Amino acid sequence: MRTLELNPAMTSSHPPDWPGALWVGTLDVQTVTRFEQVHLRESDGYTRARLLVREGPAVRGFIELDAPNGLIGRAALDRAMAVLPRAVRRVDAAPLPTITVIVCTRDRASQLRSALKAILALDYPKFDVLVVDNASRTSEIRDLVQNEFVAPAVTLVSEPTPGLGLARNTGLRAATGEIVAYTDDDVIVDQAWLTELAAGFSRAPNVDCVTGLVPSGELRTPAQGYFDGRVSWSKNLEPRIYSLAEPPARLPMFPFSIGEFGTGANFALRRRAALELGGFDSALGVGTRAGGGEDIDMFTRIILDGRTLVMQPSAIVWHRNRDDLAALRVQARGYGTGLGAWLTKLFMNPHTARMALVRSPHALTRLVSLAWRRPARVAGARPADEWDREFARMGWVELFSVARGPLSYLLQRRSARGMKQ
């Protein structure tokens, strides 16, 4: 029996520790037709799988199937794939722009190593890589880049002041590519990532920002499953074009649409446009009091300035979600505080304040729903226990953290002004 071997999206040295764990990987319909079954490599401990179905580079959707002994038969695959939408016609970029990939990192050398290896394996012909070491407490990042990734393939720059917005600006100024593509150190990029980002800039006139799909690359623990069920940007599967000239009717809060445009782990900007906008807000981002928000702030400013943002799902970056409760709580507080800080910035500007107030009933509903929304329980998972009680609190942790955002943002702005003086 002819068997197609599939690799996981991400590897892990730890086996799954909950019944709802899912092996995660990619399946190309153009390849699987020649085989009677697929075998999932490194699948010990998994009984089910989530596959991102693609047709060449195009994304069709996710399917989940039983995978006893790491095997899935063609009949089960065909039934699951039959309900997926057709692939969207691909738009090629011509000519291909030069791209600088920017990875901002702090004290996570082991994760950065895996991310850089995947980036350097990309098939894009015209790119370079810039690592921004953002106030690391040790020399591990510098040692890793200098000893394992020889220039000119990877260039290291330092930003000694903590803050992701500031680090992104440091990378923006040092970049040489026409396009700057941002990703994180806890990801594995798809081989076609840059090619598909470049294609996104050709989907419409005046495109200055392209975001991509960021699916969960590992679903090994309950914490990872919870995060996967809560975020929307891991499920943005339909290509979309966003601009003020044609506001989408399905988004009443547009352009203040949290999670719709993508996330900071996977996006690209025309460098010229980003500089014209003044770069990222250095008072936002992980490492500041605000805790986050620099990505949604940039996406929104792109649109508010009359420019176009494209969501290109075929530009894929696999993300390793936090795998324990302690890390998940920190992340929830950061997301909540960052959201509150970004909202504060909106209301400090009379123009955006007026726009946001018109949409405020929808915004309030959306905000409260963050606390009430629960991810669906996975079949076979254990009964309600301490995990469920912790997850029930997590939404409220994020919501209450929003209230910390205004003061955090104002203090960070004042601190930044003090450093400039």
Protein backbone atom coordinates (compact mmCIF):
# COMPACT_ATOMS: atom_id res chain seq x y z
CA MET A 1 0.00 0.00 0.00
CA ARG A 2 1.46 3.33 -1.08
CA THR A 3 1.89 5.61 1.93
CA LEU A 4 2.52 9.37 1.98
CA GLU A 5 4.79 10.44 4.84
CA LEU A 6 3.87 13.72 6.52
CA ASN A 7 6.07 15.72 8.89
CA PRO A 8 4.62 17.69 11.82
CA ALA A 9 4.45 21.46 11.53
CA MET A 10 6.63 21.69 14.62
CA THR A 11 8.69 19.13 16.50
CA SER A 12 8.68 18.71 20.26
CA SER A 13 10.81 16.77 22.71
CA HIS A 14 7.77 16.25 24.95
CA PRO A 15 4.90 13.84 24.21
CA PRO A 16 1.28 15.04 24.44
CA ASP A 17 -0.13 15.06 27.97
CA TRP A 18 -3.89 15.32 27.40
CA PRO A 19 -6.54 13.26 25.56
CA GLY A 20 -7.55 16.16 23.31
CA ALA A 21 -4.07 16.57 21.78
CA LEU A 22 -3.90 16.95 17.99
CA TRP A 23 -0.99 16.13 15.70
CA VAL A 24 -0.64 19.15 13.39
CA GLY A 25 0.64 19.22 9.83
CA THR A 26 -0.04 20.06 6.18
CA LEU A 27 -1.56 18.02 3.35
CA ASP A 28 -1.37 18.98 -0.33
CA VAL A 29 -4.30 17.62 -2.38
CA GLN A 30 -2.13 17.61 -5.48
CA THR A 31 0.22 15.11 -3.82
CA VAL A 32 -2.10 12.86 -1.83
CA THR A 33 -3.99 11.61 -4.90
CA ARG A 34 -1.11 9.22 -5.66
CA PHE A 35 -1.32 7.45 -2.28
CA GLU A 36 -3.75 5.13 -0.45
CA GLN A 37 -2.97 6.41 3.05
CA VAL A 38 -0.85 8.91 4.94
CA HIS A 39 1.49 8.26 7.84
CA LEU A 40 2.09 10.95 10.45
CA ARG A 41 5.69 11.05 11.54
CA GLU A 42 6.52 11.69 15.23
CA SER A 43 2.91 10.92 16.18
CA ASP A 44 3.48 8.80 19.29
CA GLY A 45 0.81 9.65 21.87
CA TYR A 46 -1.56 11.26 19.36
CA THR A 47 -4.84 9.65 18.30
CA ARG A 48 -6.20 12.51 16.18
CA ALA A 49 -4.74 14.96 13.70
CA ARG A 50 -5.43 18.44 12.36
CA LEU A 51 -4.32 18.94 8.77
CA LEU A 52 -4.11 22.21 6.90
CA VAL A 53 -5.26 21.26 3.41
CA ARG A 54 -3.56 23.10 0.56
CA GLU A 55 -3.69 22.98 -3.19
CA GLY A 56 -0.19 23.97 -4.11
CA PRO A 57 0.41 27.16 -2.11
CA ALA A 58 -3.32 28.00 -1.83
CA VAL A 59 -5.12 27.26 1.45
CA ARG A 60 -8.42 25.38 1.39
CA GLY A 61 -9.02 24.83 5.11
CA PHE A 62 -8.48 22.60 8.14
CA ILE A 63 -9.71 19.05 8.65
CA GLU A 64 -9.54 16.93 11.80
CA LEU A 65 -9.54 13.14 11.69
CA ASP A 66 -8.84 10.07 13.80
CA ALA A 67 -5.29 8.81 13.26
CA PRO A 68 -4.83 5.47 15.04
CA ASN A 69 -1.18 4.44 15.00
CA GLY A 70 -0.44 7.61 13.05
CA LEU A 71 -2.28 6.40 9.94
CA ILE A 72 -5.17 7.98 8.00
CA GLY A 73 -6.78 6.25 5.03
CA ARG A 74 -7.61 7.94 1.74
CA ALA A 75 -11.35 7.35 2.09
CA ALA A 76 -11.46 9.34 5.36
CA LEU A 77 -9.30 12.07 3.85
CA ASP A 78 -11.48 12.35 0.74
CA ARG A 79 -14.68 12.65 2.82
CA ALA A 80 -13.20 15.38 5.00
CA MET A 81 -11.73 17.34 2.08
CA ALA A 82 -14.93 17.16 0.02
CA VAL A 83 -16.64 19.85 2.13
CA LEU A 84 -13.78 22.35 1.89
CA PRO A 85 -14.09 25.38 -0.42
CA ARG A 86 -12.18 25.53 -3.68
CA ALA A 87 -8.75 27.08 -3.76
CA VAL A 88 -8.58 30.80 -4.54
CA ARG A 89 -6.76 31.70 -7.74
CA ARG A 90 -3.17 32.70 -7.09
CA VAL A 91 -1.78 36.14 -8.00
CA ASP A 92 1.94 36.22 -8.74
CA ALA A 93 4.15 39.13 -7.78
CA ALA A 94 6.02 40.66 -10.69
CA PRO A 95 8.70 41.73 -10.40
CA LEU A 96 9.72 40.15 -7.10
CA PRO A 97 10.61 42.81 -4.51
CA THR A 98 13.65 42.59 -2.26
CA ILE A 99 12.68 41.63 1.30
CA THR A 100 14.36 42.02 4.66
CA VAL A 101 13.05 39.53 7.22
CA ILE A 102 13.12 41.03 10.72
CA VAL A 103 13.02 38.84 13.83
CA CYS A 104 12.87 40.67 17.16
CA THR A 105 13.95 38.49 20.07
CA ARG A 106 14.93 38.53 23.72
CA ASP A 107 16.59 35.73 25.71
CA ARG A 108 15.11 32.87 23.66
CA ALA A 109 18.12 31.52 21.78
CA SER A 110 16.87 27.92 21.43
CA GLN A 111 13.61 29.00 19.81
CA LEU A 112 15.39 31.58 17.66
CA ARG A 113 17.71 28.86 16.30
CA SER A 114 14.75 26.86 14.93
CA ALA A 115 13.07 29.96 13.52
CA LEU A 116 16.21 31.10 11.70
CA LYS A 117 16.87 27.65 10.21
CA ALA A 118 13.38 27.65 8.70
CA ILE A 119 13.77 31.21 7.39
CA LEU A 120 17.11 30.46 5.75
CA ALA A 121 15.55 27.44 4.00
CA LEU A 122 13.03 29.64 2.16
CA ASP A 123 12.99 29.44 -1.61
CA TYR A 124 12.64 33.19 -2.14
CA PRO A 125 15.53 34.50 -4.27
CA LYS A 126 15.95 38.07 -2.94
CA PHE A 127 15.96 38.33 0.84
CA ASP A 128 18.18 38.94 3.84
CA VAL A 129 17.59 38.41 7.57
CA LEU A 130 17.94 40.91 10.39
CA VAL A 131 17.84 39.79 14.04
CA VAL A 132 17.06 42.54 16.54
CA ASP A 133 18.34 41.62 20.01
CA ASN A 134 15.98 43.57 22.26
CA ALA A 135 17.62 44.08 25.67
CA SER A 136 18.61 40.46 26.26
CA ARG A 137 19.99 39.79 29.72
CA THR A 138 22.69 37.42 28.46
CA SER A 139 24.95 37.09 25.41
CA GLU A 140 23.19 33.95 24.13
CA ILE A 141 21.48 35.67 21.20
CA ARG A 142 24.69 37.36 20.07
CA ASP A 143 26.68 34.15 20.45
CA LEU A 144 24.10 32.13 18.54
CA VAL A 145 23.97 34.46 15.56
CA GLN A 146 27.71 35.05 15.40
CA ASN A 147 28.68 31.38 15.81
CA GLU A 148 25.94 29.56 13.88
CA PHE A 149 24.59 32.03 11.31
CA VAL A 150 27.40 33.67 9.43
CA ALA A 151 26.88 37.07 7.78
CA PRO A 152 25.72 38.17 5.26
CA ALA A 153 22.90 35.61 5.57
CA VAL A 154 21.93 36.95 9.01
CA THR A 155 22.78 40.36 10.47
CA LEU A 156 22.50 41.12 14.18
CA VAL A 157 21.56 44.56 15.51
CA SER A 158 20.97 45.57 19.10
CA GLU A 159 18.16 47.58 20.64
CA PRO A 160 19.10 48.00 24.32
CA THR A 161 15.76 49.48 25.46
CA PRO A 162 13.02 46.88 26.03
CA GLY A 163 9.91 47.20 23.87
CA LEU A 164 8.74 45.40 20.76
CA GLY A 165 7.55 48.57 19.02
CA LEU A 166 10.97 50.10 19.53
CA ALA A 167 12.73 46.91 18.38
CA ARG A 168 10.59 46.77 15.23
CA ASN A 169 11.61 50.36 14.47
CA THR A 170 15.28 49.51 14.93
CA GLY A 171 14.87 46.73 12.38
CA LEU A 172 12.93 49.01 10.05
CA ARG A 173 15.69 51.61 10.00
CA ALA A 174 18.43 49.02 9.46
CA ALA A 175 16.59 47.09 6.72
CA THR A 176 17.63 47.34 3.08
CA GLY A 177 14.74 45.51 1.37
CA GLU A 178 11.82 47.20 -0.39
CA ILE A 179 9.61 45.08 1.87
CA VAL A 180 10.15 44.39 5.57
CA ALA A 181 8.64 41.08 6.72
CA TYR A 182 8.20 40.65 10.47
CA THR A 183 7.97 37.39 12.36
CA ASP A 184 8.71 36.10 15.87
CA ASP A 185 11.26 33.75 17.39
CA ASP A 186 8.67 31.10 18.44
CA VAL A 187 7.55 30.20 14.92
CA ILE A 188 8.37 28.01 11.94
CA VAL A 189 7.77 29.74 8.60
CA ASP A 190 6.35 27.83 5.64
CA GLN A 191 8.75 27.41 2.74
CA ALA A 192 6.60 29.59 0.48
CA TRP A 193 6.09 32.30 3.13
CA LEU A 194 7.95 35.16 1.42
CA THR A 195 6.71 34.24 -2.06
CA GLU A 196 3.12 34.41 -0.84
CA LEU A 197 3.67 37.65 1.08
CA ALA A 198 5.11 39.18 -2.09
CA ALA A 199 2.09 37.95 -4.05
CA GLY A 200 -0.18 39.72 -1.57
CA PHE A 201 1.23 43.09 -2.58
CA SER A 202 -0.02 42.44 -6.13
CA ARG A 203 -3.61 41.65 -5.18
CA ALA A 204 -4.78 45.28 -5.35
CA PRO A 205 -3.49 48.82 -5.98
CA ASN A 206 -1.82 50.76 -3.19
CA VAL A 207 -1.15 47.70 -0.97
CA ASP A 208 1.30 48.69 1.75
CA CYS A 209 0.72 45.88 4.24
CA VAL A 210 0.20 42.12 3.84
CA THR A 211 -0.59 39.77 6.70
CA GLY A 212 -0.67 35.98 6.66
CA LEU A 213 -2.11 32.96 8.41
CA VAL A 214 -0.71 32.03 11.84
CA PRO A 215 -2.08 28.59 12.74
CA SER A 216 -1.17 26.66 15.87
CA GLY A 217 1.84 24.51 15.08
CA GLU A 218 1.54 22.42 18.22
CA LEU A 219 -1.55 21.27 20.14
CA ARG A 220 0.05 19.09 22.78
CA THR A 221 -1.32 20.52 26.05
CA PRO A 222 -4.66 21.87 27.33
CA ALA A 223 -3.16 25.37 27.52
CA GLN A 224 -2.25 25.25 23.82
CA GLY A 225 -5.72 23.97 22.97
CA TYR A 226 -7.35 26.76 24.95
CA PHE A 227 -5.33 29.47 23.21
CA ASP A 228 -6.05 27.93 19.81
CA GLY A 229 -9.78 28.06 20.52
CA ARG A 230 -9.75 31.72 21.55
CA VAL A 231 -7.75 33.54 18.90
CA SER A 232 -9.35 34.41 15.57
CA TRP A 233 -6.24 35.18 13.54
CA SER A 234 -5.30 31.48 13.43
CA LYS A 235 -8.42 30.81 11.37
CA ASN A 236 -8.35 33.63 8.79
CA LEU A 237 -8.57 31.37 5.74
CA GLU A 238 -10.13 33.67 3.14
CA PRO A 239 -8.03 36.21 1.21
CA ARG A 240 -9.34 39.71 1.92
CA ILE A 241 -8.59 43.27 0.86
CA TYR A 242 -9.15 46.03 3.42
CA SER A 243 -9.35 49.75 2.67
CA LEU A 244 -11.40 52.77 3.74
CA ALA A 245 -12.60 53.12 0.16
CA GLU A 246 -14.52 49.84 0.46
CA PRO A 247 -15.28 49.15 4.13
CA PRO A 248 -16.46 45.56 4.67
CA ALA A 249 -20.12 45.35 5.68
CA ARG A 250 -19.43 42.30 7.86
CA LEU A 251 -17.17 44.35 10.18
CA PRO A 252 -19.23 47.05 11.92
CA MET A 253 -16.17 48.15 13.94
CA PHE A 254 -13.95 48.58 10.85
CA PRO A 255 -11.17 49.67 10.82
CA PHE A 256 -10.92 48.95 14.56
CA SER A 257 -11.27 45.22 13.98
CA ILE A 258 -9.26 43.24 16.52
CA GLY A 259 -7.97 39.94 15.16
CA GLU A 260 -9.37 40.38 11.65
CA PHE A 261 -6.23 41.76 10.01
CA GLY A 262 -3.74 39.28 11.43
CA THR A 263 -1.10 39.39 14.12
CA GLY A 264 2.46 40.55 14.69
CA ALA A 265 3.99 37.11 14.11
CA ASN A 266 3.33 37.33 10.37
CA PHE A 267 3.10 40.55 8.38
CA ALA A 268 5.01 42.62 5.85
CA LEU A 269 5.17 46.35 5.09
CA ARG A 270 6.50 48.45 2.27
CA ARG A 271 9.46 49.98 4.04
CA ARG A 272 8.85 53.37 2.45
CA ALA A 273 5.24 53.43 3.67
CA ALA A 274 6.19 52.36 7.20
CA LEU A 275 8.76 55.16 7.41
CA GLU A 276 6.26 57.70 6.05
CA LEU A 277 3.88 56.70 8.84
CA GLY A 278 6.59 57.27 11.43
CA GLY A 279 7.20 53.61 12.16
CA PHE A 280 5.71 51.74 15.11
CA ASP A 281 4.52 53.36 18.32
CA SER A 282 7.44 52.73 20.69
CA ALA A 283 5.11 53.03 23.70
CA LEU A 284 3.38 49.80 22.64
CA GLY A 285 4.56 46.21 22.50
CA VAL A 286 5.89 43.41 24.68
CA GLY A 287 8.60 44.72 26.97
CA THR A 288 6.80 48.01 27.66
CA ARG A 289 4.24 48.78 30.35
CA ALA A 290 1.60 48.50 27.62
CA GLY A 291 2.43 44.84 27.02
CA GLY A 292 1.30 44.71 23.36
CA GLY A 293 -0.75 46.47 20.72
CA GLU A 294 1.97 47.71 18.34
CA ASP A 295 0.82 45.36 15.55
CA ILE A 296 -2.91 46.20 15.53
CA ASP A 297 -1.95 49.86 15.87
CA MET A 298 0.16 49.67 12.70
CA PHE A 299 -2.52 47.72 10.77
CA THR A 300 -5.14 50.30 11.68
CA ARG A 301 -2.91 53.27 10.86
CA ILE A 302 -2.19 51.79 7.43
CA ILE A 303 -5.91 51.72 6.65
CA LEU A 304 -6.70 55.09 8.26
CA ASP A 305 -4.01 56.69 6.08
CA GLY A 306 -5.88 55.62 2.95
CA ARG A 307 -3.61 52.68 2.21
CA THR A 308 -4.61 49.06 1.59
CA LEU A 309 -4.03 45.98 3.74
CA VAL A 310 -4.29 42.48 2.28
CA MET A 311 -4.87 39.30 4.29
CA GLN A 312 -3.05 36.50 2.39
CA PRO A 313 -3.73 33.12 4.08
CA SER A 314 -1.26 31.28 1.84
CA ALA A 315 1.59 33.15 3.60
CA ILE A 316 1.85 30.77 6.56
CA VAL A 317 3.77 30.97 9.81
CA TRP A 318 3.26 28.17 12.35
CA HIS A 319 3.14 29.41 15.94
CA ARG A 320 4.10 27.52 19.11
CA ASN A 321 1.45 28.45 21.67
CA ARG A 322 2.30 28.75 25.36
CA ASP A 323 2.06 25.26 26.83
CA ASP A 324 1.35 25.91 30.53
CA LEU A 325 -1.04 27.95 32.63
CA ALA A 326 1.55 30.34 34.07
CA ALA A 327 2.74 31.43 30.61
CA LEU A 328 -0.86 31.63 29.42
CA ARG A 329 -1.78 34.00 32.26
CA VAL A 330 1.14 36.28 31.41
CA GLN A 331 0.06 36.28 27.77
CA ALA A 332 -3.57 37.04 28.66
CA ARG A 333 -2.52 39.98 30.83
CA GLY A 334 -0.28 41.28 28.05
CA TYR A 335 -3.03 41.02 25.44
CA GLY A 336 -5.53 42.76 27.70
CA THR A 337 -3.20 45.56 28.73
CA GLY A 338 -2.09 46.06 25.12
CA LEU A 339 -5.69 46.31 23.98
CA GLY A 340 -6.47 48.89 26.66
CA ALA A 341 -3.35 50.88 25.75
CA TRP A 342 -4.23 50.88 22.06
CA LEU A 343 -7.81 51.99 22.80
CA THR A 344 -6.39 54.80 24.92
CA LYS A 345 -4.26 55.96 22.00
CA LEU A 346 -7.35 55.95 19.75
CA PHE A 347 -9.30 58.14 22.16
CA MET A 348 -6.43 60.57 22.59
CA ASN A 349 -6.77 61.45 18.89
CA PRO A 350 -9.96 63.45 18.15
CA HIS A 351 -10.35 61.97 14.66
CA THR A 352 -10.05 58.32 15.68
CA ALA A 353 -12.01 59.00 18.87
CA ARG A 354 -15.00 60.19 16.83
CA MET A 355 -14.77 57.16 14.56
CA ALA A 356 -14.48 54.78 17.52
CA LEU A 357 -17.40 56.36 19.41
CA VAL A 358 -19.71 55.74 16.46
CA ARG A 359 -18.77 52.07 16.75
CA SER A 360 -18.67 51.92 20.56
CA PRO A 361 -21.78 49.74 21.08
CA HIS A 362 -20.21 47.06 18.90
CA ALA A 363 -16.87 47.53 20.62
CA LEU A 364 -18.38 47.04 24.08
CA THR A 365 -20.17 43.88 22.98
CA ARG A 366 -16.98 42.54 21.46
CA LEU A 367 -14.94 43.34 24.56
CA VAL A 368 -17.32 41.64 26.98
CA SER A 369 -17.56 38.61 24.69
CA LEU A 370 -13.84 38.04 25.21
CA ALA A 371 -14.53 37.13 28.81
CA TRP A 372 -17.53 34.93 28.07
CA ARG A 373 -16.26 33.04 25.03
CA ARG A 374 -15.17 29.49 25.70
CA PRO A 375 -13.33 27.16 23.32
CA ALA A 376 -15.30 24.03 22.44
CA ARG A 377 -14.49 21.01 24.55
CA VAL A 378 -12.60 18.33 22.69
CA ALA A 379 -14.18 14.89 22.48
CA GLY A 380 -12.45 12.51 24.85
CA ALA A 381 -11.07 15.24 27.11
CA ARG A 382 -11.34 14.66 30.83
CA PRO A 383 -14.35 15.99 32.82
CA ALA A 384 -14.45 19.46 34.30
CA ASP A 385 -11.42 19.90 36.56
CA GLU A 386 -8.85 22.53 37.53
CA TRP A 387 -8.06 23.24 33.87
CA ASP A 388 -11.65 24.22 33.16
CA ARG A 389 -11.79 26.43 36.24
CA GLU A 390 -8.56 28.15 35.23
CA PHE A 391 -9.75 28.64 31.66
CA ALA A 392 -13.02 30.09 32.93
CA ARG A 393 -10.98 32.75 34.74
CA MET A 394 -8.61 33.46 31.85
CA GLY A 395 -11.05 35.58 29.86
CA TRP A 396 -11.68 37.74 32.91
CA VAL A 397 -7.93 38.12 33.48
CA GLU A 398 -7.67 39.51 29.95
CA LEU A 399 -10.73 41.73 30.36
CA PHE A 400 -9.62 43.19 33.69
CA SER A 401 -6.16 43.80 32.23
CA VAL A 402 -7.76 46.08 29.64
CA ALA A 403 -8.47 48.50 32.51
CA ARG A 404 -4.73 48.71 33.21
CA GLY A 405 -4.04 49.78 29.65
CA PRO A 406 -4.74 53.52 29.85
CA LEU A 407 -2.42 54.27 32.76
CA SER A 408 0.22 51.88 31.41
CA TYR A 409 0.23 53.61 28.03
CA LEU A 410 0.40 57.11 29.52
CA LEU A 411 3.26 56.16 31.84
CA GLN A 412 5.15 54.54 28.96
CA ARG A 413 4.74 57.62 26.77
CA ARG A 414 5.98 59.85 29.59
CA SER A 415 8.92 57.52 30.18
CA ALA A 416 9.81 57.61 26.48
CA ARG A 417 9.74 61.43 26.47
CA GLY A 418 11.98 61.45 29.52
CA MET A 419 14.56 59.27 27.79
CA LYS A 420 14.65 61.63 24.79
CA GLN A 421 15.37 64.68 26.94
